[in-house]
């Protein structure tokens, strides 16, 4: 009878521990979601901590690296932002937003050829991606190919895109 009681207590304890712990993915997701809320509120310091916690639990969590890059970008830390986006793209090659952010940063540091590679990579996977078209137009404008830039930005406007950055880049091209 005592032996059965110990076994029963042991089983209850084991079930309680398993329920309390949850999976790694659930824990990482919990930190990630909290980080997203903090990011949207503009509390980047706390958001960074939550995203780092998510990554620490699941080192292959591409979206966590991407959001960590976004936090760094919002705080003007371009090198760590680039690192976060690069790691996200490495872990998940189809993470198009990471490739776009890398392309934008490459354009900022005056590497238009590499930025164009990122724009073309995204357009190869999603030909109607507006952000990739804007990046492509920005690259050709940076390369002083104003006629091609005008064509890209006019094409976006003709498709009904009314984003201010498109009009701004078109006006810069003129």
N, C-alpha and C. Protein backbone atom coordinates (compact mmCIF):
# COMPACT_ATOMS: atom_id res chain seq x y z
N UNK A 1 0.82 -1.20 0.00
CA UNK A 1 0.00 0.00 0.00
C UNK A 1 0.86 1.26 0.00
N UNK A 2 1.88 1.29 0.81
CA UNK A 2 2.77 2.45 0.87
C UNK A 2 3.51 2.60 -0.45
N UNK A 3 3.91 1.49 -1.03
CA UNK A 3 4.62 1.51 -2.31
C UNK A 3 3.73 2.12 -3.40
N UNK A 4 2.44 1.77 -3.41
CA UNK A 4 1.50 2.33 -4.39
C UNK A 4 1.33 3.82 -4.19
N UNK A 5 1.32 4.24 -2.95
CA UNK A 5 1.17 5.68 -2.64
C UNK A 5 2.36 6.47 -3.18
N UNK A 6 3.58 5.94 -2.98
CA UNK A 6 4.77 6.61 -3.49
C UNK A 6 4.74 6.68 -5.02
N UNK A 7 4.33 5.61 -5.65
CA UNK A 7 4.23 5.59 -7.12
C UNK A 7 3.20 6.61 -7.59
N UNK A 8 2.05 6.65 -6.93
CA UNK A 8 1.00 7.61 -7.29
C UNK A 8 1.47 9.05 -7.11
N UNK A 9 2.13 9.34 -6.00
CA UNK A 9 2.67 10.69 -5.75
C UNK A 9 3.72 11.02 -6.81
N UNK A 10 4.56 10.06 -7.13
CA UNK A 10 5.59 10.27 -8.16
C UNK A 10 4.98 10.58 -9.52
N UNK A 11 3.95 9.86 -9.89
CA UNK A 11 3.28 10.10 -11.17
C UNK A 11 2.63 11.48 -11.19
N UNK A 12 1.96 11.84 -10.12
CA UNK A 12 1.32 13.17 -10.04
C UNK A 12 2.38 14.27 -10.14
N UNK A 13 3.51 14.08 -9.45
CA UNK A 13 4.59 15.06 -9.50
C UNK A 13 5.13 15.20 -10.92
N UNK A 14 5.36 14.09 -11.59
CA UNK A 14 5.88 14.08 -12.96
C UNK A 14 4.91 14.78 -13.91
N UNK A 15 3.63 14.50 -13.79
CA UNK A 15 2.63 15.15 -14.65
C UNK A 15 2.61 16.65 -14.39
N UNK A 16 2.68 17.05 -13.14
CA UNK A 16 2.69 18.47 -12.79
C UNK A 16 3.91 19.17 -13.40
N UNK A 17 5.07 18.55 -13.29
CA UNK A 17 6.29 19.14 -13.85
C UNK A 17 6.18 19.27 -15.37
N UNK A 18 5.69 18.24 -16.04
CA UNK A 18 5.55 18.28 -17.49
C UNK A 18 4.56 19.35 -17.94
N UNK A 19 3.47 19.49 -17.23
CA UNK A 19 2.48 20.51 -17.59
C UNK A 19 3.04 21.90 -17.36
N UNK A 20 3.76 22.09 -16.27
CA UNK A 20 4.30 23.41 -15.92
C UNK A 20 5.38 23.85 -16.90
N UNK A 21 6.14 22.92 -17.40
CA UNK A 21 7.27 23.29 -18.24
C UNK A 21 6.85 23.70 -19.65
N UNK A 22 6.04 22.93 -20.31
CA UNK A 22 5.68 23.22 -21.69
C UNK A 22 6.86 22.96 -22.61
N UNK A 23 6.63 23.08 -23.87
CA UNK A 23 7.69 22.82 -24.84
C UNK A 23 8.57 24.05 -25.01
N UNK A 24 9.73 23.83 -25.61
CA UNK A 24 10.66 24.93 -25.89
C UNK A 24 9.99 25.96 -26.81
N UNK A 25 9.25 25.44 -27.79
CA UNK A 25 8.60 26.34 -28.74
C UNK A 25 7.57 27.23 -28.04
N UNK A 26 6.84 26.63 -27.09
CA UNK A 26 5.84 27.41 -26.36
C UNK A 26 6.50 28.50 -25.52
N UNK A 27 7.60 28.16 -24.87
CA UNK A 27 8.31 29.14 -24.05
C UNK A 27 8.86 30.27 -24.93
N UNK A 28 9.50 29.88 -26.03
CA UNK A 28 10.06 30.89 -26.93
C UNK A 28 8.96 31.78 -27.48
N UNK A 29 7.84 31.17 -27.82
CA UNK A 29 6.70 31.92 -28.36
C UNK A 29 6.16 32.90 -27.32
N UNK A 30 6.14 32.50 -26.08
CA UNK A 30 5.65 33.37 -25.01
C UNK A 30 6.53 34.62 -24.89
N UNK A 31 7.85 34.41 -24.86
CA UNK A 31 8.77 35.56 -24.80
C UNK A 31 8.63 36.43 -26.05
N UNK A 32 8.51 35.77 -27.20
CA UNK A 32 8.41 36.50 -28.46
C UNK A 32 7.17 37.39 -28.49
N UNK A 33 6.03 36.83 -28.10
CA UNK A 33 4.79 37.60 -28.11
C UNK A 33 4.87 38.79 -27.15
N UNK A 34 5.46 38.57 -26.00
CA UNK A 34 5.63 39.68 -25.05
C UNK A 34 6.55 40.74 -25.66
N UNK A 35 7.59 40.29 -26.34
CA UNK A 35 8.51 41.21 -27.01
C UNK A 35 7.82 42.03 -28.08
N UNK A 36 6.92 41.39 -28.84
CA UNK A 36 6.18 42.11 -29.88
C UNK A 36 5.31 43.22 -29.29
N UNK A 37 4.65 42.91 -28.19
CA UNK A 37 3.81 43.92 -27.54
C UNK A 37 4.67 45.10 -27.08
N UNK A 38 5.80 44.80 -26.48
CA UNK A 38 6.69 45.86 -26.01
C UNK A 38 7.25 46.66 -27.19
N UNK A 39 7.58 45.96 -28.28
CA UNK A 39 8.09 46.63 -29.48
C UNK A 39 7.06 47.61 -30.02
N UNK A 40 5.81 47.16 -30.11
CA UNK A 40 4.74 48.02 -30.63
C UNK A 40 4.50 49.23 -29.74
N UNK A 41 4.76 49.09 -28.45
CA UNK A 41 4.63 50.20 -27.51
C UNK A 41 5.83 51.15 -27.57
N UNK A 42 6.89 50.71 -28.22
CA UNK A 42 8.09 51.54 -28.31
C UNK A 42 9.06 51.32 -27.16
N UNK A 43 8.85 50.28 -26.36
CA UNK A 43 9.74 49.95 -25.26
C UNK A 43 10.79 48.98 -25.78
N UNK A 44 11.76 49.52 -26.50
CA UNK A 44 12.72 48.70 -27.22
C UNK A 44 13.71 47.98 -26.31
N UNK A 45 14.04 48.58 -25.17
CA UNK A 45 14.99 47.93 -24.26
C UNK A 45 14.39 46.63 -23.72
N UNK A 46 13.16 46.69 -23.26
CA UNK A 46 12.50 45.49 -22.73
C UNK A 46 12.18 44.50 -23.85
N UNK A 47 11.81 45.02 -25.02
CA UNK A 47 11.52 44.14 -26.16
C UNK A 47 12.77 43.35 -26.54
N UNK A 48 13.92 44.03 -26.56
CA UNK A 48 15.18 43.36 -26.89
C UNK A 48 15.41 42.19 -25.93
N UNK A 49 15.18 42.43 -24.65
CA UNK A 49 15.39 41.38 -23.65
C UNK A 49 14.46 40.18 -23.91
N UNK A 50 13.21 40.44 -24.24
CA UNK A 50 12.27 39.35 -24.51
C UNK A 50 12.67 38.56 -25.75
N UNK A 51 13.09 39.27 -26.80
CA UNK A 51 13.51 38.57 -28.02
C UNK A 51 14.77 37.75 -27.77
N UNK A 52 15.69 38.30 -26.97
CA UNK A 52 16.90 37.53 -26.63
C UNK A 52 16.54 36.29 -25.82
N UNK A 53 15.57 36.42 -24.93
CA UNK A 53 15.13 35.25 -24.16
C UNK A 53 14.56 34.18 -25.09
N UNK A 54 13.76 34.61 -26.06
CA UNK A 54 13.17 33.66 -27.01
C UNK A 54 14.27 32.95 -27.80
N UNK A 55 15.27 33.69 -28.22
CA UNK A 55 16.38 33.12 -28.99
C UNK A 55 17.23 32.18 -28.13
N UNK A 56 17.39 32.56 -26.87
CA UNK A 56 18.17 31.71 -25.97
C UNK A 56 17.49 30.34 -25.79
N UNK A 57 16.17 30.35 -25.73
CA UNK A 57 15.43 29.10 -25.58
C UNK A 57 15.46 28.30 -26.88
N UNK A 58 15.29 29.01 -28.00
CA UNK A 58 15.28 28.34 -29.31
C UNK A 58 16.24 29.08 -30.24
N UNK A 59 17.51 28.66 -30.27
CA UNK A 59 18.51 29.35 -31.09
C UNK A 59 18.24 29.33 -32.60
N UNK A 60 17.26 28.57 -33.05
CA UNK A 60 16.94 28.51 -34.48
C UNK A 60 15.63 29.24 -34.78
N UNK A 61 15.26 30.17 -33.92
CA UNK A 61 14.01 30.93 -34.03
C UNK A 61 14.26 32.17 -34.90
N UNK A 62 14.10 32.01 -36.21
CA UNK A 62 14.43 33.07 -37.17
C UNK A 62 13.66 34.36 -36.90
N UNK A 63 12.39 34.25 -36.59
CA UNK A 63 11.57 35.45 -36.36
C UNK A 63 12.07 36.23 -35.15
N UNK A 64 12.61 35.53 -34.16
CA UNK A 64 13.19 36.19 -33.00
C UNK A 64 14.40 37.03 -33.38
N UNK A 65 15.26 36.48 -34.25
CA UNK A 65 16.42 37.23 -34.73
C UNK A 65 15.98 38.44 -35.56
N UNK A 66 14.95 38.23 -36.37
CA UNK A 66 14.45 39.33 -37.19
C UNK A 66 13.96 40.49 -36.30
N UNK A 67 13.17 40.16 -35.30
CA UNK A 67 12.64 41.21 -34.43
C UNK A 67 13.75 41.84 -33.59
N UNK A 68 14.75 41.06 -33.22
CA UNK A 68 15.90 41.63 -32.53
C UNK A 68 16.59 42.64 -33.45
N UNK A 69 16.69 42.30 -34.73
CA UNK A 69 17.24 43.24 -35.71
C UNK A 69 16.39 44.50 -35.82
N UNK A 70 15.07 44.34 -35.78
CA UNK A 70 14.18 45.50 -35.85
C UNK A 70 14.36 46.42 -34.64
N UNK A 71 14.54 45.83 -33.46
CA UNK A 71 14.79 46.63 -32.26
C UNK A 71 16.07 47.43 -32.43
N UNK A 72 17.11 46.76 -32.88
CA UNK A 72 18.40 47.44 -33.08
C UNK A 72 18.27 48.55 -34.13
N UNK A 73 17.53 48.27 -35.18
CA UNK A 73 17.32 49.27 -36.23
C UNK A 73 16.60 50.50 -35.67
N UNK A 74 15.56 50.27 -34.88
CA UNK A 74 14.80 51.37 -34.29
C UNK A 74 15.68 52.22 -33.38
N UNK A 75 16.70 51.60 -32.80
CA UNK A 75 17.59 52.34 -31.90
C UNK A 75 18.83 52.87 -32.61
N UNK A 76 18.87 52.70 -33.93
CA UNK A 76 19.97 53.24 -34.71
C UNK A 76 21.25 52.44 -34.65
N UNK A 77 21.17 51.22 -34.20
CA UNK A 77 22.34 50.34 -34.11
C UNK A 77 22.39 49.46 -35.37
N UNK A 78 22.99 50.01 -36.42
CA UNK A 78 22.93 49.35 -37.72
C UNK A 78 23.68 48.03 -37.78
N UNK A 79 24.84 47.96 -37.17
CA UNK A 79 25.62 46.72 -37.25
C UNK A 79 24.92 45.56 -36.54
N UNK A 80 24.44 45.74 -35.30
CA UNK A 80 23.71 44.64 -34.68
C UNK A 80 22.40 44.32 -35.42
N UNK A 81 21.77 45.33 -36.00
CA UNK A 81 20.55 45.10 -36.77
C UNK A 81 20.88 44.20 -37.97
N UNK A 82 21.95 44.53 -38.66
CA UNK A 82 22.38 43.73 -39.80
C UNK A 82 22.64 42.28 -39.37
N UNK A 83 23.26 42.11 -38.21
CA UNK A 83 23.53 40.77 -37.69
C UNK A 83 22.26 39.99 -37.43
N UNK A 84 21.27 40.65 -36.83
CA UNK A 84 19.99 39.99 -36.56
C UNK A 84 19.29 39.57 -37.83
N UNK A 85 19.24 40.49 -38.81
CA UNK A 85 18.58 40.17 -40.07
C UNK A 85 19.32 39.06 -40.82
N UNK A 86 20.65 39.12 -40.78
CA UNK A 86 21.44 38.10 -41.47
C UNK A 86 21.23 36.72 -40.86
N UNK A 87 21.17 36.66 -39.54
CA UNK A 87 20.95 35.37 -38.87
C UNK A 87 19.55 34.84 -39.20
N UNK A 88 18.57 35.73 -39.23
CA UNK A 88 17.20 35.31 -39.57
C UNK A 88 17.16 34.77 -41.01
N UNK A 89 17.84 35.46 -41.93
CA UNK A 89 17.86 35.01 -43.33
C UNK A 89 18.63 33.70 -43.48
N UNK A 90 19.66 33.53 -42.67
CA UNK A 90 20.43 32.28 -42.71
C UNK A 90 19.58 31.11 -42.21
N UNK A 91 18.85 31.32 -41.13
CA UNK A 91 18.03 30.26 -40.55
C UNK A 91 16.80 29.97 -41.40
N UNK A 92 16.28 31.02 -42.04
CA UNK A 92 15.06 30.87 -42.85
C UNK A 92 15.25 31.65 -44.15
N UNK A 93 15.84 31.01 -45.17
CA UNK A 93 16.12 31.71 -46.43
C UNK A 93 14.88 32.31 -47.10
N UNK A 94 13.69 31.84 -46.75
CA UNK A 94 12.47 32.40 -47.33
C UNK A 94 11.90 33.55 -46.50
N UNK A 95 12.62 34.00 -45.50
CA UNK A 95 12.17 35.13 -44.68
C UNK A 95 12.47 36.42 -45.47
N UNK A 96 11.54 36.79 -46.32
CA UNK A 96 11.76 37.90 -47.26
C UNK A 96 11.98 39.24 -46.57
N UNK A 97 11.31 39.47 -45.45
CA UNK A 97 11.50 40.75 -44.76
C UNK A 97 12.94 40.92 -44.29
N UNK A 98 13.57 39.83 -43.88
CA UNK A 98 14.98 39.90 -43.48
C UNK A 98 15.85 40.32 -44.66
N UNK A 99 15.60 39.71 -45.82
CA UNK A 99 16.39 40.06 -47.01
C UNK A 99 16.17 41.53 -47.39
N UNK A 100 14.94 42.00 -47.27
CA UNK A 100 14.66 43.41 -47.58
C UNK A 100 15.40 44.34 -46.64
N UNK A 101 15.38 44.03 -45.35
CA UNK A 101 16.08 44.89 -44.39
C UNK A 101 17.59 44.88 -44.64
N UNK A 102 18.12 43.72 -44.97
CA UNK A 102 19.54 43.63 -45.30
C UNK A 102 19.83 44.50 -46.53
N UNK A 103 18.97 44.41 -47.54
CA UNK A 103 19.15 45.22 -48.75
C UNK A 103 19.13 46.71 -48.44
N UNK A 104 18.21 47.13 -47.59
CA UNK A 104 18.14 48.56 -47.23
C UNK A 104 19.42 49.00 -46.52
N UNK A 105 19.89 48.16 -45.61
CA UNK A 105 21.12 48.50 -44.89
C UNK A 105 22.32 48.52 -45.84
N UNK A 106 22.37 47.60 -46.78
CA UNK A 106 23.45 47.60 -47.76
C UNK A 106 23.42 48.87 -48.60
N UNK A 107 22.24 49.34 -48.92
CA UNK A 107 22.12 50.59 -49.68
C UNK A 107 22.62 51.77 -48.85
N UNK A 108 22.29 51.77 -47.58
CA UNK A 108 22.74 52.84 -46.68
C UNK A 108 24.26 52.90 -46.60
N UNK A 109 24.90 51.74 -46.57
CA UNK A 109 26.36 51.73 -46.45
C UNK A 109 27.04 51.73 -47.82
N UNK A 110 26.28 52.12 -48.82
CA UNK A 110 26.79 52.33 -50.18
C UNK A 110 27.34 51.06 -50.83
N UNK A 111 26.53 50.01 -50.76
CA UNK A 111 26.83 48.77 -51.47
C UNK A 111 25.63 48.43 -52.35
N UNK A 112 25.39 49.28 -53.38
CA UNK A 112 24.17 49.11 -54.17
C UNK A 112 24.08 47.78 -54.93
N UNK A 113 25.21 47.24 -55.34
CA UNK A 113 25.16 45.98 -56.08
C UNK A 113 24.62 44.86 -55.20
N UNK A 114 25.10 44.80 -53.96
CA UNK A 114 24.62 43.77 -53.03
C UNK A 114 23.17 44.03 -52.64
N UNK A 115 22.81 45.32 -52.51
CA UNK A 115 21.41 45.67 -52.20
C UNK A 115 20.51 45.21 -53.34
N UNK A 116 20.96 45.39 -54.58
CA UNK A 116 20.17 44.96 -55.74
C UNK A 116 20.01 43.44 -55.73
N UNK A 117 21.03 42.71 -55.31
CA UNK A 117 20.93 41.25 -55.22
C UNK A 117 19.79 40.86 -54.28
N UNK A 118 19.69 41.57 -53.17
CA UNK A 118 18.62 41.27 -52.20
C UNK A 118 17.25 41.62 -52.79
N UNK A 119 17.15 42.75 -53.48
CA UNK A 119 15.88 43.13 -54.09
C UNK A 119 15.47 42.08 -55.13
N UNK A 120 16.41 41.65 -55.94
CA UNK A 120 16.13 40.66 -56.98
C UNK A 120 15.77 39.31 -56.37
N UNK A 121 16.43 38.94 -55.26
CA UNK A 121 16.12 37.69 -54.58
C UNK A 121 14.66 37.69 -54.12
N UNK A 122 14.24 38.79 -53.51
CA UNK A 122 12.86 38.89 -53.03
C UNK A 122 11.89 38.90 -54.20
N UNK A 123 12.20 39.67 -55.24
CA UNK A 123 11.32 39.72 -56.40
C UNK A 123 11.25 38.38 -57.12
N UNK A 124 12.32 37.60 -57.04
CA UNK A 124 12.30 36.27 -57.62
C UNK A 124 11.31 35.35 -56.92
N UNK A 125 11.13 35.57 -55.63
CA UNK A 125 10.21 34.74 -54.85
C UNK A 125 8.82 35.35 -54.77
N UNK A 126 8.75 36.67 -54.87
CA UNK A 126 7.47 37.38 -54.79
C UNK A 126 7.52 38.57 -55.75
N UNK A 127 7.21 38.35 -57.03
CA UNK A 127 7.36 39.39 -58.06
C UNK A 127 6.53 40.66 -57.81
N UNK A 128 5.51 40.58 -56.99
CA UNK A 128 4.67 41.75 -56.74
C UNK A 128 4.99 42.43 -55.41
N UNK A 129 6.12 42.11 -54.81
CA UNK A 129 6.48 42.67 -53.51
C UNK A 129 6.82 44.15 -53.68
N UNK A 130 5.99 44.99 -53.12
CA UNK A 130 6.13 46.43 -53.27
C UNK A 130 7.42 46.93 -52.63
N UNK A 131 7.73 46.43 -51.43
CA UNK A 131 8.95 46.87 -50.75
C UNK A 131 10.20 46.52 -51.56
N UNK A 132 10.20 45.37 -52.21
CA UNK A 132 11.33 44.98 -53.04
C UNK A 132 11.43 45.88 -54.26
N UNK A 133 10.28 46.27 -54.83
CA UNK A 133 10.30 47.19 -55.97
C UNK A 133 10.82 48.57 -55.55
N UNK A 134 10.42 49.03 -54.38
CA UNK A 134 10.92 50.31 -53.87
C UNK A 134 12.43 50.23 -53.64
N UNK A 135 12.88 49.11 -53.08
CA UNK A 135 14.33 48.93 -52.89
C UNK A 135 15.05 48.93 -54.22
N UNK A 136 14.51 48.22 -55.18
CA UNK A 136 15.13 48.18 -56.52
C UNK A 136 15.19 49.58 -57.13
N UNK A 137 14.08 50.32 -57.04
CA UNK A 137 14.07 51.68 -57.56
C UNK A 137 15.06 52.57 -56.84
N UNK A 138 15.19 52.39 -55.53
CA UNK A 138 16.14 53.18 -54.74
C UNK A 138 17.58 52.86 -55.13
N UNK A 139 17.84 51.59 -55.41
CA UNK A 139 19.18 51.19 -55.83
C UNK A 139 19.53 51.81 -57.17
N UNK A 140 18.63 51.71 -58.15
CA UNK A 140 18.95 52.27 -59.47
C UNK A 140 19.07 53.79 -59.38
N UNK A 141 18.32 54.42 -58.50
CA UNK A 141 18.46 55.86 -58.29
C UNK A 141 19.82 56.17 -57.68
N UNK A 142 20.26 55.38 -56.72
CA UNK A 142 21.57 55.57 -56.11
C UNK A 142 22.69 55.37 -57.13
N UNK A 143 22.42 54.53 -58.12
CA UNK A 143 23.41 54.29 -59.17
C UNK A 143 23.32 55.32 -60.30
N UNK A 144 22.52 56.36 -60.05
CA UNK A 144 22.34 57.48 -60.99
C UNK A 144 21.68 57.07 -62.30
N UNK A 145 20.88 56.01 -62.26
CA UNK A 145 20.12 55.57 -63.42
C UNK A 145 18.70 56.11 -63.26
N UNK A 146 18.57 57.44 -63.44
CA UNK A 146 17.31 58.11 -63.11
C UNK A 146 16.15 57.67 -64.00
N UNK A 147 16.40 57.42 -65.28
CA UNK A 147 15.31 57.00 -66.16
C UNK A 147 14.70 55.68 -65.70
N UNK A 148 15.56 54.73 -65.34
CA UNK A 148 15.06 53.44 -64.86
C UNK A 148 14.33 53.61 -63.52
N UNK A 149 14.86 54.47 -62.64
CA UNK A 149 14.21 54.72 -61.35
C UNK A 149 12.82 55.32 -61.56
N UNK A 150 12.73 56.27 -62.48
CA UNK A 150 11.43 56.89 -62.78
C UNK A 150 10.45 55.83 -63.28
N UNK A 151 10.93 54.94 -64.14
CA UNK A 151 10.07 53.87 -64.66
C UNK A 151 9.56 52.97 -63.52
N UNK A 152 10.44 52.63 -62.60
CA UNK A 152 10.05 51.75 -61.48
C UNK A 152 9.00 52.44 -60.61
N UNK A 153 9.27 53.69 -60.23
CA UNK A 153 8.35 54.37 -59.31
C UNK A 153 7.03 54.76 -59.99
N UNK A 154 7.08 55.15 -61.27
CA UNK A 154 5.84 55.42 -61.99
C UNK A 154 5.01 54.15 -62.12
N UNK A 155 5.69 53.03 -62.35
CA UNK A 155 4.99 51.75 -62.45
C UNK A 155 4.26 51.41 -61.15
N UNK A 156 4.88 51.71 -60.03
CA UNK A 156 4.23 51.46 -58.75
C UNK A 156 3.00 52.35 -58.57
N UNK A 157 3.13 53.61 -58.94
CA UNK A 157 2.00 54.54 -58.81
C UNK A 157 0.86 54.12 -59.74
N UNK A 158 1.21 53.67 -60.94
CA UNK A 158 0.18 53.21 -61.88
C UNK A 158 -0.53 51.96 -61.37
N UNK A 159 0.14 51.18 -60.53
CA UNK A 159 -0.49 50.00 -59.92
C UNK A 159 -1.37 50.37 -58.73
N UNK A 160 -1.44 51.66 -58.42
CA UNK A 160 -2.30 52.11 -57.33
C UNK A 160 -1.59 52.25 -55.99
N UNK A 161 -0.29 52.16 -55.99
CA UNK A 161 0.47 52.29 -54.75
C UNK A 161 0.56 53.78 -54.41
N UNK A 162 0.10 54.15 -53.23
CA UNK A 162 0.05 55.56 -52.85
C UNK A 162 0.90 55.85 -51.61
N UNK A 163 1.97 55.10 -51.45
CA UNK A 163 2.84 55.29 -50.29
C UNK A 163 3.68 56.55 -50.46
N UNK A 164 3.88 57.31 -49.40
CA UNK A 164 4.67 58.53 -49.50
C UNK A 164 6.11 58.29 -49.97
N UNK A 165 6.71 57.17 -49.57
CA UNK A 165 8.10 56.92 -49.97
C UNK A 165 8.22 56.75 -51.48
N UNK A 166 7.19 56.21 -52.12
CA UNK A 166 7.22 56.03 -53.58
C UNK A 166 7.21 57.41 -54.26
N UNK A 167 6.34 58.30 -53.80
CA UNK A 167 6.28 59.64 -54.37
C UNK A 167 7.55 60.43 -54.08
N UNK A 168 8.09 60.25 -52.90
CA UNK A 168 9.34 60.94 -52.55
C UNK A 168 10.49 60.48 -53.45
N UNK A 169 10.60 59.16 -53.64
CA UNK A 169 11.68 58.65 -54.47
C UNK A 169 11.49 59.07 -55.93
N UNK A 170 10.25 59.13 -56.39
CA UNK A 170 9.98 59.59 -57.75
C UNK A 170 10.40 61.05 -57.90
N UNK A 171 10.07 61.87 -56.91
CA UNK A 171 10.45 63.28 -56.99
C UNK A 171 11.98 63.44 -56.94
N UNK A 172 12.65 62.60 -56.18
CA UNK A 172 14.11 62.65 -56.15
C UNK A 172 14.69 62.26 -57.50
N UNK A 173 14.04 61.30 -58.17
CA UNK A 173 14.51 60.86 -59.48
C UNK A 173 14.42 62.00 -60.51
N UNK A 174 13.33 62.80 -60.39
CA UNK A 174 13.19 63.93 -61.30
C UNK A 174 14.17 65.02 -60.94
